[in-house]
Amino acid sequence: MSRKASLQACFLSLLRRPRLRVALRAVVRELRVPEVIRLRLPVDGTFHFRLLDRQFVYRSELHDGIGRALFWADADAYEAETLDVLAELLREAPASATIFDVGANTGFYTLAVLALAPAAHVHAFEPVAQIASSLRENVGANGLLEQVHFNACAVAERSGTVAIHVPDETWHSATLSTGGFRGLDGHVEQVAGVALDDYVKAHGVKRVDVLKIDVEGHEDAVLGGAPAAYGLSQGGCLRHHLRCGLGDYLVHPSFDERQGCLEPSQRCPL
């Protein structure tokens, strides 16, 4: 066993003791331990967190970076600017909004949507099997299965089998770039892919109130397969944009078919 694995195993053994788990969590939060350190502290198991004045159950595993962020810090502070934009878009949407969560990962944004819009319905897309299983588990643990349609597939410019790079030691950064995301070591899997235009036609989707996309640099490919789907959008698109750094975003109410991407907005200086 490597030194890193030994340290993780030791730390996890401490977290399995309920009183010590509570104390360690409180100390890390009270001391405002820097994020770069917090995200290295493993979490394995079920815990509760509060988001937007609502309590959620979350199941985290060893390589779940989102789980680490939610356990060791205030969930409302996790990608807070993106949450603010999501809230803004949902305020303008109908109560029974239809939301597409492309790159749903373990379900943080799916849960956030349903905290902000309890009557909404989410179409969640996550291609990595283990992460998709965690997504379903987290949604189910909060009694929200009836409001989420799960799609264990990648969203791409064209429907069909696609190659996806899956990092070995984090659930954060699977990508359609087979060389990997930012040099992370991993392996390549073949997964089902779907273009959003094909999806909305097959499922009879009549409107999309908010389209959230976070696919590690392949947002343009998602939108390239979605001119008709984006035309159904009554609200806007919340899109993570790597040129601005993780957690930044672009929001724009219109789709530029000539470029196959969203026009930059004033929210994010490039």
Protein backbone atom coordinates (compact mmCIF):
# COMPACT_ATOMS: atom_id res chain seq x y z
CA MET A 1 0.00 0.00 0.00
CA SER A 2 1.35 3.44 -0.93
CA ARG A 3 1.92 6.14 1.67
CA LYS A 4 -1.00 8.14 0.26
CA ALA A 5 -3.33 5.15 0.47
CA SER A 6 -2.16 4.42 4.02
CA LEU A 7 -2.86 7.99 5.13
CA GLN A 8 -6.29 7.93 3.50
CA ALA A 9 -7.14 4.63 5.19
CA CYS A 10 -6.06 6.02 8.57
CA PHE A 11 -8.07 9.19 8.10
CA LEU A 12 -11.17 7.27 6.99
CA SER A 13 -10.92 5.01 10.03
CA LEU A 14 -11.13 8.12 12.22
CA LEU A 15 -14.16 9.40 10.29
CA ARG A 16 -16.01 6.15 10.95
CA ARG A 17 -16.20 7.09 14.63
CA PRO A 18 -19.37 9.24 14.83
CA ARG A 19 -18.27 11.68 17.54
CA LEU A 20 -14.82 12.15 16.04
CA ARG A 21 -16.37 12.61 12.60
CA VAL A 22 -18.53 15.48 13.88
CA ALA A 23 -15.59 17.04 15.71
CA LEU A 24 -13.21 16.85 12.73
CA ARG A 25 -15.81 18.37 10.41
CA ALA A 26 -16.43 21.22 12.84
CA VAL A 27 -12.70 21.91 13.29
CA VAL A 28 -12.00 22.01 9.54
CA ARG A 29 -14.89 24.44 9.03
CA GLU A 30 -14.01 26.60 12.04
CA LEU A 31 -10.37 26.93 11.01
CA ARG A 32 -11.37 27.73 7.42
CA VAL A 33 -8.88 25.21 6.08
CA PRO A 34 -7.92 26.22 2.50
CA GLU A 35 -9.83 24.52 -0.29
CA VAL A 36 -6.68 22.99 -1.79
CA ILE A 37 -6.27 21.03 1.46
CA ARG A 38 -9.96 20.29 2.08
CA LEU A 39 -10.29 18.66 -1.31
CA ARG A 40 -7.55 16.22 -0.36
CA LEU A 41 -9.35 15.08 2.78
CA PRO A 42 -11.22 11.88 1.93
CA VAL A 43 -14.86 11.21 2.78
CA ASP A 44 -16.47 7.80 2.44
CA GLY A 45 -20.04 7.29 3.61
CA THR A 46 -23.36 9.02 4.05
CA PHE A 47 -23.73 12.50 5.53
CA HIS A 48 -26.16 15.42 5.59
CA PHE A 49 -25.62 18.91 4.23
CA ARG A 50 -27.74 22.03 3.99
CA LEU A 51 -28.24 23.81 0.70
CA LEU A 52 -30.52 26.77 0.12
CA ASP A 53 -32.24 26.24 3.51
CA ARG A 54 -32.97 22.59 2.77
CA GLN A 55 -31.28 19.53 4.23
CA PHE A 56 -30.08 16.79 1.90
CA VAL A 57 -28.64 13.31 2.30
CA TYR A 58 -25.50 12.59 0.30
CA ARG A 59 -23.51 9.41 -0.22
CA SER A 60 -19.82 10.01 -0.93
CA GLU A 61 -17.08 7.60 -1.96
CA LEU A 62 -13.31 7.89 -1.84
CA HIS A 63 -12.77 9.64 -5.21
CA ASP A 64 -15.81 11.93 -5.01
CA GLY A 65 -14.42 15.47 -5.01
CA ILE A 66 -17.89 17.02 -4.80
CA GLY A 67 -18.62 14.94 -1.71
CA ARG A 68 -15.42 16.26 -0.12
CA ALA A 69 -16.38 19.83 -0.90
CA LEU A 70 -19.87 19.43 0.55
CA PHE A 71 -18.73 17.62 3.70
CA TRP A 72 -15.88 19.88 4.73
CA ALA A 73 -17.36 23.27 3.85
CA ASP A 74 -20.67 25.12 3.65
CA ALA A 75 -22.58 23.72 0.64
CA ASP A 76 -23.94 27.18 -0.20
CA ALA A 77 -20.34 28.26 -0.83
CA TYR A 78 -19.68 25.50 -3.37
CA GLU A 79 -19.58 27.20 -6.80
CA ALA A 80 -21.64 29.99 -5.25
CA GLU A 81 -21.61 32.25 -8.31
CA THR A 82 -23.00 29.47 -10.48
CA LEU A 83 -25.68 28.75 -7.89
CA ASP A 84 -26.66 32.42 -7.94
CA VAL A 85 -27.10 32.33 -11.72
CA LEU A 86 -29.08 29.10 -11.51
CA ALA A 87 -31.38 30.70 -8.96
CA GLU A 88 -31.81 33.73 -11.21
CA LEU A 89 -32.77 31.57 -14.19
CA LEU A 90 -35.21 29.48 -12.15
CA ARG A 91 -36.93 32.57 -10.76
CA GLU A 92 -37.88 33.41 -14.33
CA ALA A 93 -39.03 29.85 -15.12
CA PRO A 94 -42.46 28.34 -14.43
CA ALA A 95 -42.92 26.37 -11.20
CA SER A 96 -43.02 23.08 -13.11
CA ALA A 97 -39.89 23.89 -15.10
CA THR A 98 -38.08 21.36 -17.28
CA ILE A 99 -34.34 21.40 -16.60
CA PHE A 100 -31.55 19.62 -18.49
CA ASP A 101 -28.51 18.82 -16.30
CA VAL A 102 -25.79 17.83 -18.78
CA GLY A 103 -22.79 16.49 -16.89
CA ALA A 104 -24.83 15.78 -13.75
CA ASN A 105 -22.01 13.96 -11.93
CA THR A 106 -23.20 12.88 -8.46
CA GLY A 107 -26.25 15.15 -8.50
CA PHE A 108 -25.31 18.39 -6.74
CA TYR A 109 -26.96 20.63 -9.34
CA THR A 110 -29.92 18.29 -9.75
CA LEU A 111 -30.52 18.60 -6.01
CA ALA A 112 -29.96 22.36 -6.15
CA VAL A 113 -32.58 22.71 -8.90
CA LEU A 114 -35.13 20.82 -6.82
CA ALA A 115 -34.32 22.93 -3.77
CA LEU A 116 -34.94 26.10 -5.78
CA ALA A 117 -37.88 24.76 -7.80
CA PRO A 118 -39.53 21.89 -5.89
CA ALA A 119 -42.04 21.16 -8.68
CA ALA A 120 -39.43 21.06 -11.47
CA HIS A 121 -38.50 18.01 -13.51
CA VAL A 122 -34.85 17.29 -14.30
CA HIS A 123 -33.36 15.33 -17.20
CA ALA A 124 -29.94 14.33 -15.85
CA PHE A 125 -27.14 13.06 -18.11
CA GLU A 126 -24.10 11.24 -16.68
CA PRO A 127 -22.11 8.73 -18.78
CA VAL A 128 -19.71 7.18 -16.23
CA ALA A 129 -21.44 4.12 -14.77
CA GLN A 130 -20.18 4.39 -11.19
CA ILE A 131 -20.92 8.12 -11.01
CA ALA A 132 -24.36 7.62 -12.61
CA SER A 133 -25.10 5.04 -9.91
CA SER A 134 -24.12 7.55 -7.22
CA LEU A 135 -26.31 10.19 -8.90
CA ARG A 136 -29.34 7.91 -8.73
CA GLU A 137 -28.54 6.94 -5.13
CA ASN A 138 -28.28 10.57 -4.00
CA VAL A 139 -31.51 11.56 -5.71
CA GLY A 140 -33.29 8.50 -4.30
CA ALA A 141 -31.99 9.10 -0.77
CA ASN A 142 -33.80 12.44 -0.85
CA GLY A 143 -37.09 11.03 -2.14
CA LEU A 144 -36.86 12.77 -5.51
CA LEU A 145 -36.76 9.86 -7.98
CA GLU A 146 -40.10 10.75 -9.57
CA GLN A 147 -38.81 14.18 -10.57
CA VAL A 148 -35.62 13.05 -12.29
CA HIS A 149 -35.21 11.22 -15.59
CA PHE A 150 -31.80 9.51 -15.56
CA ASN A 151 -29.74 9.10 -18.71
CA ALA A 152 -26.55 7.05 -18.41
CA CYS A 153 -25.01 8.51 -21.54
CA ALA A 154 -22.80 11.31 -22.79
CA VAL A 155 -24.26 14.28 -24.65
CA ALA A 156 -22.42 14.85 -27.91
CA GLU A 157 -22.75 16.56 -31.26
CA ARG A 158 -24.05 13.32 -32.82
CA SER A 159 -25.76 10.27 -31.36
CA GLY A 160 -23.79 7.02 -31.25
CA THR A 161 -20.97 5.40 -29.29
CA VAL A 162 -18.33 7.85 -28.05
CA ALA A 163 -14.99 7.50 -26.26
CA ILE A 164 -14.68 9.14 -22.85
CA HIS A 165 -11.61 9.58 -20.67
CA VAL A 166 -12.29 8.69 -17.02
CA PRO A 167 -9.70 9.83 -14.43
CA ASP A 168 -8.45 7.16 -12.04
CA GLU A 169 -8.45 9.15 -8.79
CA THR A 170 -11.26 11.69 -9.09
CA TRP A 171 -14.90 11.68 -10.18
CA HIS A 172 -14.71 15.32 -11.16
CA SER A 173 -13.27 15.38 -14.62
CA ALA A 174 -14.39 12.74 -17.12
CA THR A 175 -14.16 14.21 -20.62
CA LEU A 176 -14.75 13.42 -24.29
CA SER A 177 -11.13 14.42 -24.85
CA THR A 178 -9.44 11.01 -24.87
CA GLY A 179 -6.14 12.58 -23.84
CA GLY A 180 -7.65 13.41 -20.48
CA PHE A 181 -8.58 16.61 -18.66
CA ARG A 182 -5.64 18.81 -17.66
CA GLY A 183 -3.21 15.89 -17.70
CA LEU A 184 -5.09 13.65 -15.28
CA ASP A 185 -4.18 9.96 -15.49
CA GLY A 186 -7.05 7.68 -16.39
CA HIS A 187 -8.50 5.26 -18.89
CA VAL A 188 -10.76 5.44 -21.92
CA GLU A 189 -14.22 3.86 -22.00
CA GLN A 190 -16.73 3.49 -24.82
CA VAL A 191 -20.14 4.83 -23.80
CA ALA A 192 -23.46 5.68 -25.41
CA GLY A 193 -23.76 9.23 -26.70
CA VAL A 194 -26.82 11.24 -27.66
CA ALA A 195 -27.38 14.56 -29.43
CA LEU A 196 -29.90 16.68 -27.54
CA ASP A 197 -31.97 17.22 -30.69
CA ASP A 198 -32.41 13.45 -30.99
CA TYR A 199 -33.19 13.21 -27.29
CA VAL A 200 -35.93 15.84 -27.19
CA LYS A 201 -37.55 14.31 -30.26
CA ALA A 202 -37.45 10.77 -28.84
CA HIS A 203 -38.83 11.84 -25.46
CA GLY A 204 -41.39 14.36 -26.68
CA VAL A 205 -39.84 17.27 -24.77
CA LYS A 206 -41.78 20.42 -25.66
CA ARG A 207 -39.78 23.01 -23.76
CA VAL A 208 -36.48 23.38 -21.91
CA ASP A 209 -36.54 26.07 -19.27
CA VAL A 210 -32.90 25.90 -18.20
CA LEU A 211 -30.03 24.02 -19.83
CA LYS A 212 -27.03 23.49 -17.51
CA ILE A 213 -23.85 22.17 -19.13
CA ASP A 214 -20.60 21.16 -17.42
CA VAL A 215 -18.62 18.74 -19.59
CA GLU A 216 -15.01 19.79 -19.13
CA GLY A 217 -14.42 21.77 -22.29
CA HIS A 218 -16.85 20.05 -24.68
CA GLU A 219 -19.75 22.44 -24.15
CA ASP A 220 -19.64 23.51 -27.79
CA ALA A 221 -20.09 19.89 -28.90
CA VAL A 222 -23.19 19.62 -26.71
CA LEU A 223 -24.67 22.76 -28.23
CA GLY A 224 -23.60 21.69 -31.72
CA GLY A 225 -26.07 18.82 -31.44
CA ALA A 226 -28.80 20.96 -29.96
CA PRO A 227 -29.93 23.83 -32.20
CA ALA A 228 -33.55 22.63 -32.11
CA ALA A 229 -33.38 21.70 -28.42
CA TYR A 230 -31.95 25.09 -27.55
CA GLY A 231 -34.71 26.66 -29.60
CA LEU A 232 -37.15 25.11 -27.13
CA SER A 233 -35.46 26.93 -24.28
CA GLN A 234 -37.70 29.46 -22.61
CA GLY A 235 -35.03 30.59 -20.17
CA GLY A 236 -31.30 30.39 -20.58
CA CYS A 237 -28.19 28.28 -20.55
CA LEU A 238 -25.88 27.95 -17.59
CA ARG A 239 -22.56 26.83 -18.95
CA HIS A 240 -19.27 26.24 -17.16
CA HIS A 241 -16.56 27.84 -19.25
CA LEU A 242 -13.00 26.69 -18.81
CA ARG A 243 -11.40 29.83 -20.19
CA CYS A 244 -12.74 31.62 -17.14
CA GLY A 245 -11.79 28.85 -14.73
CA LEU A 246 -13.85 26.11 -13.17
CA GLY A 247 -17.02 27.42 -11.59
CA ASP A 248 -17.33 30.40 -13.91
CA TYR A 249 -20.13 30.58 -16.40
CA LEU A 250 -21.74 32.10 -19.43
CA VAL A 251 -25.42 32.87 -19.67
CA HIS A 252 -27.08 34.02 -22.86
CA PRO A 253 -30.70 33.72 -24.04
CA SER A 254 -29.92 33.01 -27.69
CA PHE A 255 -28.01 30.33 -29.55
CA ASP A 256 -25.62 31.35 -32.30
CA GLU A 257 -25.99 28.57 -34.90
CA ARG A 258 -23.23 29.97 -37.07
CA GLN A 259 -20.60 29.46 -34.39
CA GLY A 260 -22.22 26.50 -32.67
CA CYS A 261 -21.69 28.07 -29.28
CA LEU A 262 -22.98 30.69 -26.92
CA GLU A 263 -21.93 34.27 -27.35
CA PRO A 264 -19.84 35.54 -24.40
CA SER A 265 -21.91 37.50 -21.93
CA GLN A 266 -20.88 40.40 -19.74
CA ARG A 267 -20.96 38.11 -16.71
CA CYS A 268 -17.65 36.51 -17.52
CA PRO A 269 -14.75 38.57 -18.88
CA LEU A 270 -12.65 36.57 -21.33
